[in-house]
Amino acid sequence: MTHPFHPLHGREFELIEITLMLGTGLAHYTADDGTVRTIRQAFTNAATVDPFARVAAGRSAFRVLDLLALAELLEGLDGEGGTARESDPEAGTVKEILRHV
């Protein structure tokens, strides 16, 4: 187990198989008591390396698509905990304002 906050961090178990459920990789392993257990693949050393993280090599913390999604979210806030649409029904979204993007 490689996830730093998992109670079994640092322990090694016999990997049975890796399956995919709803887009999430699951690692099935044999526990100490002989039962088959399941954990997210990302919490193990069998996790796949994120291509963006490998290419960025620590030089970039954010993906462009993530920043655009954040900009859209921030654009919709009115500064008082509500959304711009709640206070102004005429307010446009980022997609409406920047149609060419």
PDB file of N, CA and C in Angstrom:
ATOM      1  N   MET A   1       0.849  -1.174   0.000  1.00  0.00           N
ATOM      2  CA  MET A   1       0.000   0.000   0.000  1.00  0.00           C
ATOM      3  C   MET A   1       0.893   1.234   0.000  1.00  0.00           C
ATOM      4  N   THR A   2       0.626   2.133  -0.913  1.00  0.00           N
ATOM      5  CA  THR A   2       1.480   3.311  -1.028  1.00  0.00           C
ATOM      6  C   THR A   2       0.804   4.598  -0.575  1.00  0.00           C
ATOM      7  N   HIS A   3      -0.526   4.604  -0.400  1.00  0.00           N
ATOM      8  CA  HIS A   3      -1.206   5.824   0.023  1.00  0.00           C
ATOM      9  C   HIS A   3      -0.738   6.173   1.436  1.00  0.00           C
ATOM     10  N   PRO A   4      -0.226   7.406   1.637  1.00  0.00           N
ATOM     11  CA  PRO A   4       0.391   7.738   2.923  1.00  0.00           C
ATOM     12  C   PRO A   4      -0.561   7.712   4.119  1.00  0.00           C
ATOM     13  N   PHE A   5      -1.855   7.857   3.918  1.00  0.00           N
ATOM     14  CA  PHE A   5      -2.785   7.893   5.042  1.00  0.00           C
ATOM     15  C   PHE A   5      -3.574   6.586   5.216  1.00  0.00           C
ATOM     16  N   HIS A   6      -3.308   5.603   4.377  1.00  0.00           N
ATOM     17  CA  HIS A   6      -3.997   4.328   4.503  1.00  0.00           C
ATOM     18  C   HIS A   6      -3.409   3.575   5.700  1.00  0.00           C
ATOM     19  N   PRO A   7      -4.263   2.938   6.513  1.00  0.00           N
ATOM     20  CA  PRO A   7      -3.750   2.220   7.695  1.00  0.00           C
ATOM     21  C   PRO A   7      -2.770   1.100   7.364  1.00  0.00           C
ATOM     22  N   LEU A   8      -2.820   0.583   6.151  1.00  0.00           N
ATOM     23  CA  LEU A   8      -1.897  -0.488   5.759  1.00  0.00           C
ATOM     24  C   LEU A   8      -0.707   0.039   4.956  1.00  0.00           C
ATOM     25  N   HIS A   9      -0.460   1.330   5.019  1.00  0.00           N
ATOM     26  CA  HIS A   9       0.651   1.937   4.273  1.00  0.00           C
ATOM     27  C   HIS A   9       1.965   1.197   4.573  1.00  0.00           C
ATOM     28  N   GLY A  10       2.675   0.891   3.512  1.00  0.00           N
ATOM     29  CA  GLY A  10       3.960   0.213   3.645  1.00  0.00           C
ATOM     30  C   GLY A  10       3.879  -1.306   3.653  1.00  0.00           C
ATOM     31  N   ARG A  11       2.701  -1.848   3.822  1.00  0.00           N
ATOM     32  CA  ARG A  11       2.525  -3.300   3.827  1.00  0.00           C
ATOM     33  C   ARG A  11       2.482  -3.826   2.405  1.00  0.00           C
ATOM     34  N   GLU A  12       2.884  -5.079   2.228  1.00  0.00           N
ATOM     35  CA  GLU A  12       2.831  -5.734   0.927  1.00  0.00           C
ATOM     36  C   GLU A  12       1.866  -6.907   0.997  1.00  0.00           C
ATOM     37  N   PHE A  13       1.084  -7.069  -0.069  1.00  0.00           N
ATOM     38  CA  PHE A  13       0.113  -8.144  -0.157  1.00  0.00           C
ATOM     39  C   PHE A  13       0.207  -8.780  -1.531  1.00  0.00           C
ATOM     40  N   GLU A  14      -0.330  -9.994  -1.646  1.00  0.00           N
ATOM     41  CA  GLU A  14      -0.353 -10.681  -2.929  1.00  0.00           C
ATOM     42  C   GLU A  14      -1.476 -10.104  -3.783  1.00  0.00           C
ATOM     43  N   LEU A  15      -1.121  -9.576  -4.936  1.00  0.00           N
ATOM     44  CA  LEU A  15      -2.098  -9.011  -5.862  1.00  0.00           C
ATOM     45  C   LEU A  15      -2.730 -10.139  -6.654  1.00  0.00           C
ATOM     46  N   ILE A  16      -4.060 -10.171  -6.670  1.00  0.00           N
ATOM     47  CA  ILE A  16      -4.787 -11.201  -7.416  1.00  0.00           C
ATOM     48  C   ILE A  16      -5.088 -10.712  -8.827  1.00  0.00           C
ATOM     49  N   GLU A  17      -5.738  -9.539  -8.909  1.00  0.00           N
ATOM     50  CA  GLU A  17      -6.050  -8.971 -10.213  1.00  0.00           C
ATOM     51  C   GLU A  17      -6.417  -7.502 -10.064  1.00  0.00           C
ATOM     52  N   ILE A  18      -6.442  -6.822 -11.188  1.00  0.00           N
ATOM     53  CA  ILE A  18      -6.883  -5.429 -11.242  1.00  0.00           C
ATOM     54  C   ILE A  18      -8.098  -5.384 -12.154  1.00  0.00           C
ATOM     55  N   THR A  19      -9.170  -4.776 -11.668  1.00  0.00           N
ATOM     56  CA  THR A  19     -10.395  -4.648 -12.456  1.00  0.00           C
ATOM     57  C   THR A  19     -10.766  -3.179 -12.559  1.00  0.00           C
ATOM     58  N   LEU A  20     -11.723  -2.900 -13.421  1.00  0.00           N
ATOM     59  CA  LEU A  20     -12.192  -1.535 -13.630  1.00  0.00           C
ATOM     60  C   LEU A  20     -13.675  -1.472 -13.297  1.00  0.00           C
ATOM     61  N   MET A  21     -14.063  -0.532 -12.430  1.00  0.00           N
ATOM     62  CA  MET A  21     -15.474  -0.359 -12.100  1.00  0.00           C
ATOM     63  C   MET A  21     -15.794   1.131 -12.124  1.00  0.00           C
ATOM     64  N   LEU A  22     -16.699   1.517 -13.025  1.00  0.00           N
ATOM     65  CA  LEU A  22     -17.105   2.914 -13.177  1.00  0.00           C
ATOM     66  C   LEU A  22     -15.905   3.835 -13.391  1.00  0.00           C
ATOM     67  N   GLY A  23     -14.950   3.358 -14.169  1.00  0.00           N
ATOM     68  CA  GLY A  23     -13.788   4.167 -14.512  1.00  0.00           C
ATOM     69  C   GLY A  23     -12.699   4.192 -13.462  1.00  0.00           C
ATOM     70  N   THR A  24     -12.872   3.470 -12.369  1.00  0.00           N
ATOM     71  CA  THR A  24     -11.876   3.448 -11.298  1.00  0.00           C
ATOM     72  C   THR A  24     -11.214   2.085 -11.252  1.00  0.00           C
ATOM     73  N   GLY A  25      -9.889   2.071 -11.251  1.00  0.00           N
ATOM     74  CA  GLY A  25      -9.144   0.821 -11.149  1.00  0.00           C
ATOM     75  C   GLY A  25      -9.198   0.293  -9.725  1.00  0.00           C
ATOM     76  N   LEU A  26      -9.475  -0.991  -9.594  1.00  0.00           N
ATOM     77  CA  LEU A  26      -9.530  -1.637  -8.283  1.00  0.00           C
ATOM     78  C   LEU A  26      -8.517  -2.768  -8.232  1.00  0.00           C
ATOM     79  N   ALA A  27      -7.748  -2.820  -7.165  1.00  0.00           N
ATOM     80  CA  ALA A  27      -6.774  -3.889  -6.963  1.00  0.00           C
ATOM     81  C   ALA A  27      -7.357  -4.867  -5.951  1.00  0.00           C
ATOM     82  N   HIS A  28      -7.414  -6.132  -6.333  1.00  0.00           N
ATOM     83  CA  HIS A  28      -7.916  -7.191  -5.452  1.00  0.00           C
ATOM     84  C   HIS A  28      -6.686  -7.922  -4.904  1.00  0.00           C
ATOM     85  N   TYR A  29      -6.655  -8.084  -3.586  1.00  0.00           N
ATOM     86  CA  TYR A  29      -5.484  -8.704  -2.964  1.00  0.00           C
ATOM     87  C   TYR A  29      -5.919  -9.657  -1.858  1.00  0.00           C
ATOM     88  N   THR A  30      -4.991 -10.514  -1.452  1.00  0.00           N
ATOM     89  CA  THR A  30      -5.248 -11.453  -0.370  1.00  0.00           C
ATOM     90  C   THR A  30      -4.752 -10.841   0.934  1.00  0.00           C
ATOM     91  N   ALA A  31      -5.669 -10.685   1.882  1.00  0.00           N
ATOM     92  CA  ALA A  31      -5.322 -10.118   3.185  1.00  0.00           C
ATOM     93  C   ALA A  31      -4.646 -11.167   4.057  1.00  0.00           C
ATOM     94  N   ASP A  32      -4.162 -10.744   5.222  1.00  0.00           N
ATOM     95  CA  ASP A  32      -3.474 -11.652   6.138  1.00  0.00           C
ATOM     96  C   ASP A  32      -4.350 -12.817   6.583  1.00  0.00           C
ATOM     97  N   ASP A  33      -5.663 -12.586   6.685  1.00  0.00           N
ATOM     98  CA  ASP A  33      -6.563 -13.648   7.141  1.00  0.00           C
ATOM     99  C   ASP A  33      -7.023 -14.557   6.004  1.00  0.00           C
ATOM    100  N   GLY A  34      -6.483 -14.347   4.784  1.00  0.00           N
ATOM    101  CA  GLY A  34      -6.799 -15.196   3.639  1.00  0.00           C
ATOM    102  C   GLY A  34      -7.989 -14.738   2.823  1.00  0.00           C
ATOM    103  N   THR A  35      -8.675 -13.694   3.263  1.00  0.00           N
ATOM    104  CA  THR A  35      -9.820 -13.187   2.509  1.00  0.00           C
ATOM    105  C   THR A  35      -9.347 -12.287   1.377  1.00  0.00           C
ATOM    106  N   VAL A  36     -10.191 -12.190   0.366  1.00  0.00           N
ATOM    107  CA  VAL A  36      -9.883 -11.309  -0.757  1.00  0.00           C
ATOM    108  C   VAL A  36     -10.451  -9.933  -0.445  1.00  0.00           C
ATOM    109  N   ARG A  37      -9.617  -8.918  -0.524  1.00  0.00           N
ATOM    110  CA  ARG A  37     -10.022  -7.547  -0.257  1.00  0.00           C
ATOM    111  C   ARG A  37      -9.800  -6.712  -1.512  1.00  0.00           C
ATOM    112  N   THR A  38     -10.429  -5.537  -1.538  1.00  0.00           N
ATOM    113  CA  THR A  38     -10.320  -4.639  -2.686  1.00  0.00           C
ATOM    114  C   THR A  38      -9.946  -3.243  -2.207  1.00  0.00           C
ATOM    115  N   ILE A  39      -9.090  -2.589  -2.963  1.00  0.00           N
ATOM    116  CA  ILE A  39      -8.686  -1.223  -2.674  1.00  0.00           C
ATOM    117  C   ILE A  39      -8.502  -0.496  -4.003  1.00  0.00           C
ATOM    118  N   ARG A  40      -8.627   0.802  -3.995  1.00  0.00           N
ATOM    119  CA  ARG A  40      -8.405   1.555  -5.233  1.00  0.00           C
ATOM    120  C   ARG A  40      -6.978   1.325  -5.722  1.00  0.00           C
ATOM    121  N   GLN A  41      -6.842   1.116  -7.006  1.00  0.00           N
ATOM    122  CA  GLN A  41      -5.537   0.869  -7.611  1.00  0.00           C
ATOM    123  C   GLN A  41      -4.592   2.042  -7.352  1.00  0.00           C
ATOM    124  N   ALA A  42      -5.147   3.252  -7.289  1.00  0.00           N
ATOM    125  CA  ALA A  42      -4.325   4.448  -7.078  1.00  0.00           C
ATOM    126  C   ALA A  42      -3.617   4.441  -5.725  1.00  0.00           C
ATOM    127  N   PHE A  43      -4.086   3.628  -4.770  1.00  0.00           N
ATOM    128  CA  PHE A  43      -3.476   3.565  -3.445  1.00  0.00           C
ATOM    129  C   PHE A  43      -2.349   2.547  -3.378  1.00  0.00           C
ATOM    130  N   THR A  44      -2.014   1.942  -4.516  1.00  0.00           N
ATOM    131  CA  THR A  44      -1.001   0.893  -4.535  1.00  0.00           C
ATOM    132  C   THR A  44       0.123   1.246  -5.510  1.00  0.00           C
ATOM    133  N   ASN A  45       1.169   0.436  -5.491  1.00  0.00           N
ATOM    134  CA  ASN A  45       2.256   0.650  -6.444  1.00  0.00           C
ATOM    135  C   ASN A  45       1.903   0.107  -7.829  1.00  0.00           C
ATOM    136  N   ALA A  46       0.684  -0.447  -7.967  1.00  0.00           N
ATOM    137  CA  ALA A  46       0.200  -0.901  -9.276  1.00  0.00           C
ATOM    138  C   ALA A  46      -0.544   0.220 -10.006  1.00  0.00           C
ATOM    139  N   ALA A  47      -0.558   1.402  -9.414  1.00  0.00           N
ATOM    140  CA  ALA A  47      -1.253   2.538 -10.020  1.00  0.00           C
ATOM    141  C   ALA A  47      -0.566   2.949 -11.318  1.00  0.00           C
ATOM    142  N   THR A  48      -1.380   3.374 -12.269  1.00  0.00           N
ATOM    143  CA  THR A  48      -0.821   3.863 -13.527  1.00  0.00           C
ATOM    144  C   THR A  48      -0.316   5.290 -13.321  1.00  0.00           C
ATOM    145  N   VAL A  49       0.734   5.637 -14.014  1.00  0.00           N
ATOM    146  CA  VAL A  49       1.302   6.976 -13.908  1.00  0.00           C
ATOM    147  C   VAL A  49       0.497   7.915 -14.791  1.00  0.00           C
ATOM    148  N   ASP A  50       0.073   9.047 -14.218  1.00  0.00           N
ATOM    149  CA  ASP A  50      -0.672  10.050 -14.957  1.00  0.00           C
ATOM    150  C   ASP A  50       0.239  10.648 -16.022  1.00  0.00           C
ATOM    151  N   PRO A  51      -0.120  10.556 -17.312  1.00  0.00           N
ATOM    152  CA  PRO A  51       0.740  11.086 -18.376  1.00  0.00           C
ATOM    153  C   PRO A  51       1.045  12.572 -18.207  1.00  0.00           C
ATOM    154  N   PHE A  52       0.063  13.359 -17.770  1.00  0.00           N
ATOM    155  CA  PHE A  52       0.305  14.790 -17.566  1.00  0.00           C
ATOM    156  C   PHE A  52       1.365  15.008 -16.488  1.00  0.00           C
ATOM    157  N   ALA A  53       1.237  14.304 -15.377  1.00  0.00           N
ATOM    158  CA  ALA A  53       2.197  14.462 -14.281  1.00  0.00           C
ATOM    159  C   ALA A  53       3.604  14.048 -14.716  1.00  0.00           C
ATOM    160  N   ARG A  54       3.689  13.009 -15.544  1.00  0.00           N
ATOM    161  CA  ARG A  54       4.999  12.553 -16.006  1.00  0.00           C
ATOM    162  C   ARG A  54       5.645  13.594 -16.914  1.00  0.00           C
ATOM    163  N   VAL A  55       4.881  14.146 -17.857  1.00  0.00           N
ATOM    164  CA  VAL A  55       5.430  15.139 -18.790  1.00  0.00           C
ATOM    165  C   VAL A  55       5.720  16.459 -18.080  1.00  0.00           C
ATOM    166  N   ALA A  56       4.817  16.877 -17.181  1.00  0.00           N
ATOM    167  CA  ALA A  56       5.007  18.145 -16.471  1.00  0.00           C
ATOM    168  C   ALA A  56       6.199  18.077 -15.524  1.00  0.00           C
ATOM    169  N   ALA A  57       6.472  16.912 -14.995  1.00  0.00           N
ATOM    170  CA  ALA A  57       7.608  16.679 -14.098  1.00  0.00           C
ATOM    171  C   ALA A  57       7.713  17.742 -13.006  1.00  0.00           C
ATOM    172  N   GLY A  58       6.557  18.103 -12.413  1.00  0.00           N
ATOM    173  CA  GLY A  58       6.556  19.064 -11.323  1.00  0.00           C
ATOM    174  C   GLY A  58       6.582  20.523 -11.740  1.00  0.00           C
ATOM    175  N   ARG A  59       6.668  20.782 -13.040  1.00  0.00           N
ATOM    176  CA  ARG A  59       6.743  22.171 -13.503  1.00  0.00           C
ATOM    177  C   ARG A  59       5.379  22.832 -13.613  1.00  0.00           C
ATOM    178  N   SER A  60       4.316  22.048 -13.666  1.00  0.00           N
ATOM    179  CA  SER A  60       2.974  22.598 -13.809  1.00  0.00           C
ATOM    180  C   SER A  60       2.026  21.813 -12.918  1.00  0.00           C
ATOM    181  N   ALA A  61       1.316  22.537 -12.061  1.00  0.00           N
ATOM    182  CA  ALA A  61       0.406  21.877 -11.134  1.00  0.00           C
ATOM    183  C   ALA A  61      -1.006  21.758 -11.688  1.00  0.00           C
ATOM    184  N   PHE A  62      -1.305  22.491 -12.749  1.00  0.00           N
ATOM    185  CA  PHE A  62      -2.681  22.541 -13.247  1.00  0.00           C
ATOM    186  C   PHE A  62      -2.759  22.232 -14.730  1.00  0.00           C
ATOM    187  N   ARG A  63      -3.819  21.541 -15.125  1.00  0.00           N
ATOM    188  CA  ARG A  63      -4.119  21.305 -16.531  1.00  0.00           C
ATOM    189  C   ARG A  63      -4.932  22.482 -17.056  1.00  0.00           C
ATOM    190  N   VAL A  64      -4.817  22.792 -18.329  1.00  0.00           N
ATOM    191  CA  VAL A  64      -5.551  23.905 -18.925  1.00  0.00           C
ATOM    192  C   VAL A  64      -7.055  23.703 -18.767  1.00  0.00           C
ATOM    193  N   LEU A  65      -7.554  22.498 -19.020  1.00  0.00           N
ATOM    194  CA  LEU A  65      -8.986  22.245 -18.897  1.00  0.00           C
ATOM    195  C   LEU A  65      -9.476  22.453 -17.463  1.00  0.00           C
ATOM    196  N   ASP A  66      -8.655  22.091 -16.481  1.00  0.00           N
ATOM    197  CA  ASP A  66      -9.032  22.306 -15.085  1.00  0.00           C
ATOM    198  C   ASP A  66      -9.099  23.793 -14.768  1.00  0.00           C
ATOM    199  N   LEU A  67      -8.155  24.577 -15.294  1.00  0.00           N
ATOM    200  CA  LEU A  67      -8.166  26.023 -15.067  1.00  0.00           C
ATOM    201  C   LEU A  67      -9.359  26.681 -15.738  1.00  0.00           C
ATOM    202  N   LEU A  68      -9.728  26.220 -16.926  1.00  0.00           N
ATOM    203  CA  LEU A  68     -10.911  26.768 -17.598  1.00  0.00           C
ATOM    204  C   LEU A  68     -12.183  26.437 -16.818  1.00  0.00           C
ATOM    205  N   ALA A  69     -12.258  25.244 -16.268  1.00  0.00           N
ATOM    206  CA  ALA A  69     -13.418  24.870 -15.446  1.00  0.00           C
ATOM    207  C   ALA A  69     -13.479  25.719 -14.186  1.00  0.00           C
ATOM    208  N   LEU A  70     -12.331  25.993 -13.585  1.00  0.00           N
ATOM    209  CA  LEU A  70     -12.285  26.859 -12.410  1.00  0.00           C
ATOM    210  C   LEU A  70     -12.715  28.274 -12.757  1.00  0.00           C
ATOM    211  N   ALA A  71     -12.246  28.784 -13.902  1.00  0.00           N
ATOM    212  CA  ALA A  71     -12.640  30.123 -14.345  1.00  0.00           C
ATOM    213  C   ALA A  71     -14.145  30.211 -14.529  1.00  0.00           C
ATOM    214  N   GLU A  72     -14.735  29.162 -15.087  1.00  0.00           N
ATOM    215  CA  GLU A  72     -16.182  29.149 -15.284  1.00  0.00           C
ATOM    216  C   GLU A  72     -16.907  29.149 -13.942  1.00  0.00           C
ATOM    217  N   LEU A  73     -16.412  28.392 -12.990  1.00  0.00           N
ATOM    218  CA  LEU A  73     -17.013  28.358 -11.665  1.00  0.00           C
ATOM    219  C   LEU A  73     -16.917  29.725 -10.990  1.00  0.00           C
ATOM    220  N   LEU A  74     -15.743  30.332 -11.031  1.00  0.00           N
ATOM    221  CA  LEU A  74     -15.546  31.635 -10.406  1.00  0.00           C
ATOM    222  C   LEU A  74     -16.371  32.719 -11.081  1.00  0.00           C
ATOM    223  N   GLU A  75     -16.518  32.610 -12.364  1.00  0.00           N
ATOM    224  CA  GLU A  75     -17.307  33.573 -13.122  1.00  0.00           C
ATOM    225  C   GLU A  75     -18.763  33.569 -12.661  1.00  0.00           C
ATOM    226  N   GLY A  76     -19.238  32.418 -12.207  1.00  0.00           N
ATOM    227  CA  GLY A  76     -20.625  32.293 -11.787  1.00  0.00           C
ATOM    228  C   GLY A  76     -20.892  32.748 -10.368  1.00  0.00           C
ATOM    229  N   LEU A  77     -19.853  33.068  -9.593  1.00  0.00           N
ATOM    230  CA  LEU A  77     -20.048  33.512  -8.218  1.00  0.00           C
ATOM    231  C   LEU A  77     -20.259  35.013  -8.172  1.00  0.00           C
ATOM    232  N   ASP A  78     -21.065  35.467  -7.192  1.00  0.00           N
ATOM    233  CA  ASP A  78     -21.339  36.897  -7.087  1.00  0.00           C
ATOM    234  C   ASP A  78     -20.536  37.578  -5.980  1.00  0.00           C
ATOM    235  N   GLY A  79     -19.686  36.843  -5.268  1.00  0.00           N
ATOM    236  CA  GLY A  79     -18.866  37.424  -4.214  1.00  0.00           C
ATOM    237  C   GLY A  79     -19.532  37.407  -2.849  1.00  0.00           C
ATOM    238  N   GLU A  80     -20.779  36.956  -2.774  1.00  0.00           N
ATOM    239  CA  GLU A  80     -21.490  36.920  -1.495  1.00  0.00           C
ATOM    240  C   GLU A  80     -22.006  35.517  -1.178  1.00  0.00           C
ATOM    241  N   GLY A  81     -21.376  34.513  -1.737  1.00  0.00           N
ATOM    242  CA  GLY A  81     -21.758  33.142  -1.462  1.00  0.00           C
ATOM    243  C   GLY A  81     -22.819  32.582  -2.391  1.00  0.00           C
ATOM    244  N   GLY A  82     -23.409  33.434  -3.200  1.00  0.00           N
ATOM    245  CA  GLY A  82     -24.412  32.984  -4.156  1.00  0.00           C
ATOM    246  C   GLY A  82     -23.823  32.941  -5.544  1.00  0.00           C
ATOM    247  N   THR A  83     -24.678  32.714  -6.506  1.00  0.00           N
ATOM    248  CA  THR A  83     -24.221  32.722  -7.882  1.00  0.00           C
ATOM    249  C   THR A  83     -24.706  33.978  -8.571  1.00  0.00           C
ATOM    250  N   ALA A  84     -24.013  34.364  -9.626  1.00  0.00           N
ATOM    251  CA  ALA A  84     -24.391  35.551 -10.385  1.00  0.00           C
ATOM    252  C   ALA A  84     -25.798  35.392 -10.941  1.00  0.00           C
ATOM    253  N   ARG A  85     -26.160  34.180 -11.315  1.00  0.00           N
ATOM    254  CA  ARG A  85     -27.493  33.936 -11.870  1.00  0.00           C
ATOM    255  C   ARG A  85     -28.587  34.183 -10.823  1.00  0.00           C
ATOM    256  N   GLU A  86     -28.266  33.898  -9.546  1.00  0.00           N
ATOM    257  CA  GLU A  86     -29.261  34.145  -8.503  1.00  0.00           C
ATOM    258  C   GLU A  86     -29.529  35.631  -8.331  1.00  0.00           C
ATOM    259  N   SER A  87     -28.471  36.456  -8.432  1.00  0.00           N
ATOM    260  CA  SER A  87     -28.638  37.887  -8.218  1.00  0.00           C
ATOM    261  C   SER A  87     -28.930  38.642  -9.510  1.00  0.00           C
ATOM    262  N   ASP A  88     -28.556  38.073 -10.655  1.00  0.00           N
ATOM    263  CA  ASP A  88     -28.785  38.735 -11.940  1.00  0.00           C
ATOM    264  C   ASP A  88     -29.151  37.697 -12.989  1.00  0.00           C
ATOM    265  N   PRO A  89     -30.435  37.546 -13.286  1.00  0.00           N
ATOM    266  CA  PRO A  89     -30.834  36.531 -14.267  1.00  0.00           C
ATOM    267  C   PRO A  89     -30.315  36.798 -15.671  1.00  0.00           C
ATOM    268  N   GLU A  90     -29.815  37.994 -15.923  1.00  0.00           N
ATOM    269  CA  GLU A  90     -29.272  38.350 -17.237  1.00  0.00           C
ATOM    270  C   GLU A  90     -27.785  37.981 -17.359  1.00  0.00           C
ATOM    271  N   ALA A  91     -27.167  37.531 -16.264  1.00  0.00           N
ATOM    272  CA  ALA A  91     -25.725  37.238 -16.265  1.00  0.00           C
ATOM    273  C   ALA A  91     -25.401  36.116 -17.235  1.00  0.00           C
ATOM    274  N   GLY A  92     -24.312  36.287 -17.977  1.00  0.00           N
ATOM    275  CA  GLY A  92     -23.883  35.267 -18.927  1.00  0.00           C
ATOM    276  C   GLY A  92     -22.863  34.345 -18.308  1.00  0.00           C
ATOM    277  N   THR A  93     -22.672  33.198 -18.916  1.00  0.00           N
ATOM    278  CA  THR A  93     -21.648  32.258 -18.465  1.00  0.00           C
ATOM    279  C   THR A  93     -20.382  32.487 -19.289  1.00  0.00           C
ATOM    280  N   VAL A  94     -19.311  31.851 -18.878  1.00  0.00           N
ATOM    281  CA  VAL A  94     -18.060  31.953 -19.613  1.00  0.00           C
ATOM    282  C   VAL A  94     -18.257  31.470 -21.049  1.00  0.00           C
ATOM    283  N   LYS A  95     -18.985  30.367 -21.210  1.00  0.00           N
ATOM    284  CA  LYS A  95     -19.209  29.821 -22.553  1.00  0.00           C
ATOM    285  C   LYS A  95     -20.018  30.786 -23.407  1.00  0.00           C
ATOM    286  N   GLU A  96     -20.964  31.507 -22.780  1.00  0.00           N
ATOM    287  CA  GLU A  96     -21.752  32.477 -23.542  1.00  0.00           C
ATOM    288  C   GLU A  96     -20.913  33.696 -23.925  1.00  0.00           C
ATOM    289  N   ILE A  97     -20.047  34.129 -23.012  1.00  0.00           N
ATOM    290  CA  ILE A  97     -19.244  35.315 -23.257  1.00  0.00           C
ATOM    291  C   ILE A  97     -18.115  35.009 -24.242  1.00  0.00           C
ATOM    292  N   LEU A  98     -17.478  33.848 -24.065  1.00  0.00           N
ATOM    293  CA  LEU A  98     -16.338  33.463 -24.900  1.00  0.00           C
ATOM    294  C   LEU A  98     -16.749  32.349 -25.851  1.00  0.00           C
ATOM    295  N   ARG A  99     -17.655  32.622 -26.745  1.00  0.00           N
ATOM    296  CA  ARG A  99     -18.171  31.597 -27.646  1.00  0.00           C
ATOM    297  C   ARG A  99     -17.086  31.019 -28.567  1.00  0.00           C
ATOM    298  N   HIS A 100     -16.075  31.821 -28.888  1.00  0.00           N
ATOM    299  CA  HIS A 100     -15.042  31.381 -29.818  1.00  0.00           C
ATOM    300  C   HIS A 100     -14.055  30.405 -29.200  1.00  0.00           C
ATOM    301  N   VAL A 101     -14.046  30.250 -27.890  1.00  0.00           N
ATOM    302  CA  VAL A 101     -13.082  29.374 -27.216  1.00  0.00           C
ATOM    303  C   VAL A 101     -13.581  27.952 -27.209  1.00  0.00           C
TER     304      VAL A 101
END
